[in-house]
Amino acid sequence: MLILGVETSCDETGLALYDRQAGGLLAHAVHSQVAMHEAYGGVVPELASRDHLRRLVPLSREVLARAGRTFGDLGAVAYTEGPGLAGALLAGASFARSLAHALGVPAIGIHHLEGHLLSPLLSSTAPTFPFVALLVSGGHTQLMRVHEVGCYELLGETQDDAAGEAFDKTATLLGLGYPGGPALSRLAESGRPGRYKLPRPMIASGDLEFSFSGLKTAVLTLLNKENKTGGKIYPQNLARDFVDAVVGVLVAKCALAMQRTGLTQLVVAGGVGANSQLRAALNAKGKEVGFDVFYPEPELCTDNGAMIAFAAALRLEAGLSAAATGPAFGVRPRWDLAAIGRP
């Protein structure tokens, strides 16, 4: 079945075509709104929603043309139902449900995080069920035990800022602009470790919870102190210690999760999963204590339609889709992944 995947949960418009019987991922395209939101220092929801509406039809035509298919070839349309920005979700849902209704094919609402969580299964080297998943992005930091498609158990999550959010906020403090996470990571590569003593929040808490708000505050406190005393801040060194602190906490919690579950496969998904320092540290820890680490392809780490189409295909195969073709629909800006369940 040829599935069109539609992703509009925040500031990226992603469209993709997936057909398991015809070679898997046939085409995908993503339009990022970073340049538009940069002037405001963050995502403006109304602007995001309007831009999604402008991009959806051209991008859908683009991926169909790349794959040599037409709208009439579609067997289903999958879209991100939540979580995310309400207006952005509504833009994608209205497009997807209207298209599905016009074609007389199922419309399939997909959980955004389920898409991320399953995306490493698209790689040539893929994990098998069950596994532990670290979902780490600008809006989420969670550890999940994945039993099978549609069966997810929350092991721990952040109590305040997500890791990616802390990256972006710290980058702003260092004057790196928006979004600053990738720039902060690049700056850290030239820094010397151990020059500043930043905390590793909850690293020894004995549980699988996270907290990154205090780490960002520690950076702000340090900057204010140095400004008052006339001290010199070396941004590359501060960036290095910040990245080392975040990575150290994530690696420690992942290792603890592997130990407690007894599983030997760790999946890392979400935008921060593309971070080179995190990947190197997790790979090293895996070799040290005996677990394998799996990642999505780099182009599929950020929000994209491919993961939505793929998740829909897996749910259809497992008989889990709550597909519908009627005109009425809703979205879920807040939606607990562990609660989606199986029948």
Protein backbone atom coordinates (compact mmCIF):
# COMPACT_ATOMS: atom_id res chain seq x y z
CA MET A 1 0.00 0.00 0.00
CA LEU A 2 1.29 3.46 -0.94
CA ILE A 3 1.06 5.79 2.09
CA LEU A 4 1.53 9.55 2.07
CA GLY A 5 2.96 10.76 5.39
CA VAL A 6 2.30 14.33 6.57
CA GLU A 7 4.21 15.91 9.46
CA THR A 8 3.36 19.43 10.73
CA SER A 9 3.75 19.27 14.50
CA CYS A 10 5.97 22.36 14.84
CA ASP A 11 8.21 24.25 12.41
CA GLU A 12 8.98 21.69 9.71
CA THR A 13 6.64 20.60 6.94
CA GLY A 14 7.44 17.01 6.01
CA LEU A 15 5.88 14.90 3.25
CA ALA A 16 6.88 11.35 2.29
CA LEU A 17 5.76 8.30 0.32
CA TYR A 18 6.21 4.83 1.78
CA ASP A 19 5.27 1.47 0.28
CA ARG A 20 6.65 -1.60 2.04
CA GLN A 21 5.95 -3.83 -0.97
CA ALA A 22 7.51 -1.45 -3.50
CA GLY A 23 10.87 -0.70 -1.91
CA GLY A 24 10.03 1.10 1.31
CA LEU A 25 10.69 4.83 1.42
CA LEU A 26 10.17 6.08 -2.14
CA ALA A 27 10.55 9.84 -1.66
CA HIS A 28 10.46 12.48 1.04
CA ALA A 29 10.87 16.24 1.36
CA VAL A 30 11.10 18.62 4.32
CA HIS A 31 10.72 22.37 4.41
CA SER A 32 12.23 24.02 7.52
CA GLN A 33 10.86 27.29 8.87
CA VAL A 34 14.07 28.14 10.75
CA ALA A 35 14.86 31.23 8.66
CA MET A 36 11.34 32.60 9.20
CA HIS A 37 11.38 32.16 12.99
CA GLU A 38 14.99 33.22 13.51
CA ALA A 39 14.08 36.90 13.65
CA TYR A 40 11.82 36.18 16.65
CA GLY A 41 14.24 33.97 18.56
CA GLY A 42 11.82 31.04 18.58
CA VAL A 43 8.80 29.49 16.90
CA VAL A 44 5.80 31.78 16.40
CA PRO A 45 2.80 29.37 16.29
CA GLU A 46 0.58 31.47 14.02
CA LEU A 47 3.36 31.94 11.46
CA ALA A 48 4.17 28.23 11.63
CA SER A 49 0.56 27.25 10.91
CA ARG A 50 0.23 29.60 7.94
CA ASP A 51 3.51 28.42 6.43
CA HIS A 52 2.44 24.77 6.68
CA LEU A 53 -0.69 25.62 4.70
CA ARG A 54 1.44 27.23 1.98
CA ARG A 55 3.82 24.27 1.71
CA LEU A 56 1.62 21.17 1.94
CA VAL A 57 0.25 21.00 -1.61
CA PRO A 58 3.54 21.85 -3.40
CA LEU A 59 5.52 19.39 -1.27
CA SER A 60 2.98 16.60 -1.79
CA ARG A 61 3.19 17.12 -5.55
CA GLU A 62 6.97 17.16 -5.31
CA VAL A 63 7.27 13.79 -3.55
CA LEU A 64 4.72 12.20 -5.89
CA ALA A 65 6.68 13.44 -8.90
CA ARG A 66 9.95 12.12 -7.48
CA ALA A 67 8.41 8.69 -7.01
CA GLY A 68 6.62 8.72 -10.36
CA ARG A 69 3.23 8.36 -8.67
CA THR A 70 -0.04 10.30 -8.60
CA PHE A 71 -2.60 11.13 -5.94
CA GLY A 72 -4.78 8.37 -7.35
CA ASP A 73 -2.15 5.79 -6.43
CA LEU A 74 -2.43 6.52 -2.70
CA GLY A 75 -3.86 3.78 -0.50
CA ALA A 76 -3.82 5.83 2.73
CA VAL A 77 -2.84 9.25 4.09
CA ALA A 78 -1.11 9.38 7.48
CA TYR A 79 -0.66 12.58 9.48
CA THR A 80 0.67 13.73 12.82
CA GLU A 81 -2.31 13.92 15.17
CA GLY A 82 -0.21 15.07 18.14
CA PRO A 83 1.50 16.15 20.25
CA GLY A 84 2.58 19.55 18.96
CA LEU A 85 1.36 23.08 18.29
CA ALA A 86 -2.41 23.03 17.91
CA GLY A 87 -2.55 25.26 14.84
CA ALA A 88 0.30 23.47 13.11
CA LEU A 89 -1.31 20.09 13.77
CA LEU A 90 -4.63 21.34 12.43
CA ALA A 91 -2.97 22.49 9.20
CA GLY A 92 -1.61 19.01 8.50
CA ALA A 93 -4.68 17.17 9.74
CA SER A 94 -7.09 19.23 7.63
CA PHE A 95 -4.99 18.67 4.51
CA ALA A 96 -4.54 14.93 5.15
CA ARG A 97 -8.14 14.21 6.12
CA SER A 98 -9.54 16.24 3.21
CA LEU A 99 -7.27 14.46 0.73
CA ALA A 100 -8.13 11.04 2.16
CA HIS A 101 -11.85 11.83 2.06
CA ALA A 102 -11.64 12.99 -1.56
CA LEU A 103 -9.74 9.84 -2.59
CA GLY A 104 -11.89 7.48 -0.50
CA VAL A 105 -8.86 6.07 1.35
CA PRO A 106 -8.14 5.75 5.10
CA ALA A 107 -6.79 8.71 7.07
CA ILE A 108 -4.48 7.58 9.86
CA GLY A 109 -3.58 9.78 12.84
CA ILE A 110 -0.08 9.05 14.16
CA HIS A 111 1.60 10.01 17.43
CA HIS A 112 4.58 12.23 16.65
CA LEU A 113 6.84 10.48 19.15
CA GLU A 114 5.87 7.04 17.88
CA GLY A 115 7.12 8.18 14.49
CA HIS A 116 10.47 9.20 15.98
CA LEU A 117 10.71 6.07 18.08
CA LEU A 118 10.17 3.72 15.12
CA SER A 119 12.27 5.68 12.61
CA PRO A 120 15.52 3.72 13.26
CA LEU A 121 13.69 0.66 11.86
CA LEU A 122 13.96 2.38 8.47
CA SER A 123 17.76 2.08 8.55
CA SER A 124 19.69 -0.70 6.87
CA THR A 125 20.95 -1.75 10.31
CA ALA A 126 17.78 -1.86 12.37
CA PRO A 127 16.94 -3.09 15.88
CA THR A 128 14.41 -5.79 16.66
CA PHE A 129 11.72 -5.73 19.36
CA PRO A 130 11.98 -5.34 22.31
CA PHE A 131 14.36 -2.42 22.91
CA VAL A 132 14.89 0.67 25.03
CA ALA A 133 14.40 4.02 23.30
CA LEU A 134 15.80 7.42 24.20
CA LEU A 135 13.57 10.12 22.68
CA VAL A 136 15.61 13.29 22.88
CA SER A 137 14.63 16.52 21.12
CA GLY A 138 13.76 20.17 21.66
CA GLY A 139 10.48 19.26 23.30
CA HIS A 140 11.01 15.79 24.75
CA THR A 141 13.50 13.78 26.76
CA GLN A 142 12.11 10.34 27.61
CA LEU A 143 13.26 6.78 28.09
CA MET A 144 10.78 4.19 26.85
CA ARG A 145 10.69 0.41 26.86
CA VAL A 146 9.35 -0.66 23.47
CA HIS A 147 7.75 -4.10 23.62
CA GLU A 148 6.29 -4.02 20.08
CA VAL A 149 4.49 -1.64 17.74
CA GLY A 150 1.87 0.19 19.80
CA CYS A 151 3.11 -1.06 23.18
CA TYR A 152 5.30 1.51 24.96
CA GLU A 153 6.23 1.77 28.61
CA LEU A 154 7.54 5.05 30.04
CA LEU A 155 10.67 4.50 32.13
CA GLY A 156 11.57 8.10 32.86
CA GLU A 157 11.36 11.64 31.48
CA THR A 158 12.49 15.19 32.08
CA GLN A 159 10.89 17.06 34.95
CA ASP A 160 11.40 20.46 33.30
CA ASP A 161 13.37 21.45 30.18
CA ALA A 162 14.05 18.90 27.47
CA ALA A 163 17.70 18.41 26.49
CA GLY A 164 17.24 20.13 23.14
CA GLU A 165 15.48 23.04 24.82
CA ALA A 166 18.42 23.44 27.21
CA PHE A 167 20.79 23.41 24.21
CA ASP A 168 18.86 26.19 22.48
CA LYS A 169 18.49 28.32 25.62
CA THR A 170 22.20 28.02 26.43
CA ALA A 171 23.11 28.87 22.86
CA THR A 172 21.01 32.04 23.18
CA LEU A 173 22.92 32.98 26.35
CA LEU A 174 26.15 32.62 24.38
CA GLY A 175 24.84 34.75 21.53
CA LEU A 176 24.67 31.92 18.99
CA GLY A 177 21.22 32.78 17.63
CA TYR A 178 18.27 30.50 16.90
CA PRO A 179 18.14 27.56 16.74
CA GLY A 180 21.40 27.40 18.59
CA GLY A 181 21.73 23.73 19.50
CA PRO A 182 23.75 22.65 16.43
CA ALA A 183 25.90 25.80 16.64
CA LEU A 184 26.58 25.12 20.31
CA SER A 185 27.70 21.57 19.52
CA ARG A 186 30.04 22.82 16.78
CA LEU A 187 31.50 25.43 19.12
CA ALA A 188 32.07 22.76 21.78
CA GLU A 189 34.28 20.79 19.41
CA SER A 190 37.01 23.44 19.75
CA GLY A 191 36.67 23.78 23.52
CA ARG A 192 38.83 22.37 26.31
CA PRO A 193 37.00 20.10 28.77
CA GLY A 194 36.91 20.74 32.49
CA ARG A 195 37.47 24.50 32.39
CA TYR A 196 34.13 25.20 34.08
CA LYS A 197 32.43 23.07 36.70
CA LEU A 198 28.82 22.69 35.55
CA PRO A 199 26.40 20.40 37.39
CA ARG A 200 25.19 17.02 36.08
CA PRO A 201 21.56 17.28 37.24
CA MET A 202 20.07 14.07 38.70
CA ILE A 203 22.94 11.95 37.37
CA ALA A 204 23.13 10.13 40.71
CA SER A 205 19.41 10.20 41.57
CA GLY A 206 19.08 6.44 41.20
CA ASP A 207 16.07 6.75 38.89
CA LEU A 208 15.51 7.37 35.18
CA GLU A 209 14.25 10.95 35.47
CA PHE A 210 15.97 13.98 33.92
CA SER A 211 16.27 17.69 34.68
CA PHE A 212 18.05 20.25 32.50
CA SER A 213 16.60 23.58 33.63
CA GLY A 214 19.17 23.93 36.42
CA LEU A 215 22.05 23.32 34.01
CA LYS A 216 20.94 26.19 31.82
CA THR A 217 20.56 28.36 34.95
CA ALA A 218 24.08 27.43 36.02
CA VAL A 219 25.41 28.77 32.73
CA LEU A 220 23.46 32.01 33.22
CA THR A 221 24.77 32.37 36.79
CA LEU A 222 28.34 31.83 35.63
CA LEU A 223 28.00 34.41 32.85
CA ASN A 224 26.50 36.99 35.24
CA LYS A 225 29.26 36.41 37.77
CA GLU A 226 32.03 36.85 35.22
CA ASN A 227 30.39 39.98 33.81
CA LYS A 228 30.19 41.56 37.28
CA THR A 229 33.80 40.75 38.16
CA GLY A 230 35.23 41.57 34.75
CA GLY A 231 36.33 38.01 34.16
CA LYS A 232 36.83 36.62 30.67
CA ILE A 233 34.54 33.90 29.38
CA TYR A 234 35.82 31.48 26.76
CA PRO A 235 32.63 30.48 24.92
CA GLN A 236 34.11 27.37 23.33
CA ASN A 237 35.17 26.01 26.72
CA LEU A 238 31.82 26.80 28.31
CA ALA A 239 30.04 25.18 25.38
CA ARG A 240 32.25 22.10 25.76
CA ASP A 241 31.46 21.73 29.46
CA PHE A 242 27.75 22.24 28.82
CA VAL A 243 27.66 19.57 26.11
CA ASP A 244 29.70 17.22 28.26
CA ALA A 245 27.27 17.71 31.14
CA VAL A 246 24.17 16.97 29.03
CA VAL A 247 25.79 14.01 27.30
CA GLY A 248 27.08 12.65 30.61
CA VAL A 249 23.59 12.65 32.11
CA LEU A 250 21.96 11.09 29.02
CA VAL A 251 24.57 8.34 28.80
CA ALA A 252 24.38 7.53 32.51
CA LYS A 253 20.57 7.26 32.43
CA CYS A 254 20.63 5.14 29.27
CA ALA A 255 23.15 2.76 30.80
CA LEU A 256 20.99 2.45 33.92
CA ALA A 257 17.91 1.77 31.81
CA MET A 258 19.71 -1.00 29.94
CA GLN A 259 20.85 -2.52 33.20
CA ARG A 260 17.40 -2.45 34.79
CA THR A 261 15.50 -3.77 31.79
CA GLY A 262 18.09 -6.41 30.89
CA LEU A 263 17.73 -5.47 27.21
CA THR A 264 20.68 -5.18 24.84
CA GLN A 265 19.40 -2.75 22.20
CA LEU A 266 19.12 1.02 22.61
CA VAL A 267 17.38 3.21 20.02
CA VAL A 268 18.14 6.93 19.98
CA ALA A 269 15.65 9.16 18.15
CA GLY A 270 14.77 12.84 17.90
CA GLY A 271 16.75 15.88 16.79
CA VAL A 272 19.37 15.73 19.55
CA GLY A 273 20.03 12.14 18.46
CA ALA A 274 22.05 13.61 15.58
CA ASN A 275 24.51 15.17 18.04
CA SER A 276 27.98 13.78 17.31
CA GLN A 277 29.19 14.00 20.92
CA LEU A 278 26.16 12.08 22.18
CA ARG A 279 26.56 9.38 19.54
CA ALA A 280 30.24 8.91 20.30
CA ALA A 281 29.63 8.68 24.05
CA LEU A 282 26.71 6.24 23.73
CA ASN A 283 28.63 4.03 21.30
CA ALA A 284 31.57 3.93 23.70
CA LYS A 285 29.33 3.12 26.69
CA GLY A 286 27.58 0.41 24.70
CA LYS A 287 30.88 -1.28 23.90
CA GLU A 288 31.96 -0.95 27.52
CA VAL A 289 28.91 -2.51 29.16
CA GLY A 290 27.45 -4.61 26.34
CA PHE A 291 24.58 -3.05 24.43
CA ASP A 292 24.10 -2.00 20.80
CA VAL A 293 22.96 1.49 19.82
CA PHE A 294 20.76 2.24 16.79
CA TYR A 295 20.00 5.60 15.19
CA PRO A 296 17.80 6.80 12.34
CA GLU A 297 19.54 8.05 9.23
CA PRO A 298 20.80 11.64 9.86
CA GLU A 299 18.21 13.15 7.51
CA LEU A 300 15.44 11.44 9.51
CA CYS A 301 16.52 12.69 12.95
CA THR A 302 14.53 15.92 12.69
CA ASP A 303 10.76 16.01 12.09
CA ASN A 304 9.84 14.42 8.76
CA GLY A 305 6.97 12.77 6.90
CA ALA A 306 8.87 9.52 6.37
CA MET A 307 8.58 8.49 10.01
CA ILE A 308 4.83 9.23 9.96
CA ALA A 309 4.20 7.17 6.82
CA PHE A 310 6.37 4.34 8.17
CA ALA A 311 4.64 4.29 11.57
CA ALA A 312 1.29 4.15 9.78
CA ALA A 313 2.46 1.19 7.69
CA LEU A 314 3.56 -0.72 10.79
CA ARG A 315 0.30 0.02 12.59
CA LEU A 316 -1.73 -1.14 9.60
CA GLU A 317 0.25 -4.39 9.45
CA ALA A 318 -0.35 -4.93 13.17
CA GLY A 319 -4.06 -4.15 12.83
CA LEU A 320 -3.75 -1.14 15.16
CA SER A 321 -4.81 1.77 12.98
CA ALA A 322 -7.91 3.69 13.93
CA ALA A 323 -8.39 4.68 10.30
CA ALA A 324 -11.31 6.82 9.19
CA THR A 325 -12.40 8.62 6.01
CA GLY A 326 -15.11 10.90 7.40
CA PRO A 327 -14.80 14.68 7.43
CA ALA A 328 -14.80 15.14 11.21
CA PHE A 329 -11.45 15.12 12.97
CA GLY A 330 -9.47 16.51 15.89
CA VAL A 331 -5.86 16.87 16.96
CA ARG A 332 -4.10 16.25 20.28
CA PRO A 333 -1.59 18.96 21.23
CA ARG A 334 -0.93 16.95 24.41
CA TRP A 335 -0.86 13.18 24.03
CA ASP A 336 0.85 10.61 26.25
CA LEU A 337 2.71 8.07 24.10
CA ALA A 338 2.41 5.33 26.72
CA ALA A 339 -1.36 5.75 26.66
CA ILE A 340 -1.94 4.98 22.96
CA GLY A 341 -1.94 1.24 23.75
CA ARG A 342 -3.14 -1.76 21.82
CA PRO A 343 -6.69 -3.12 21.50
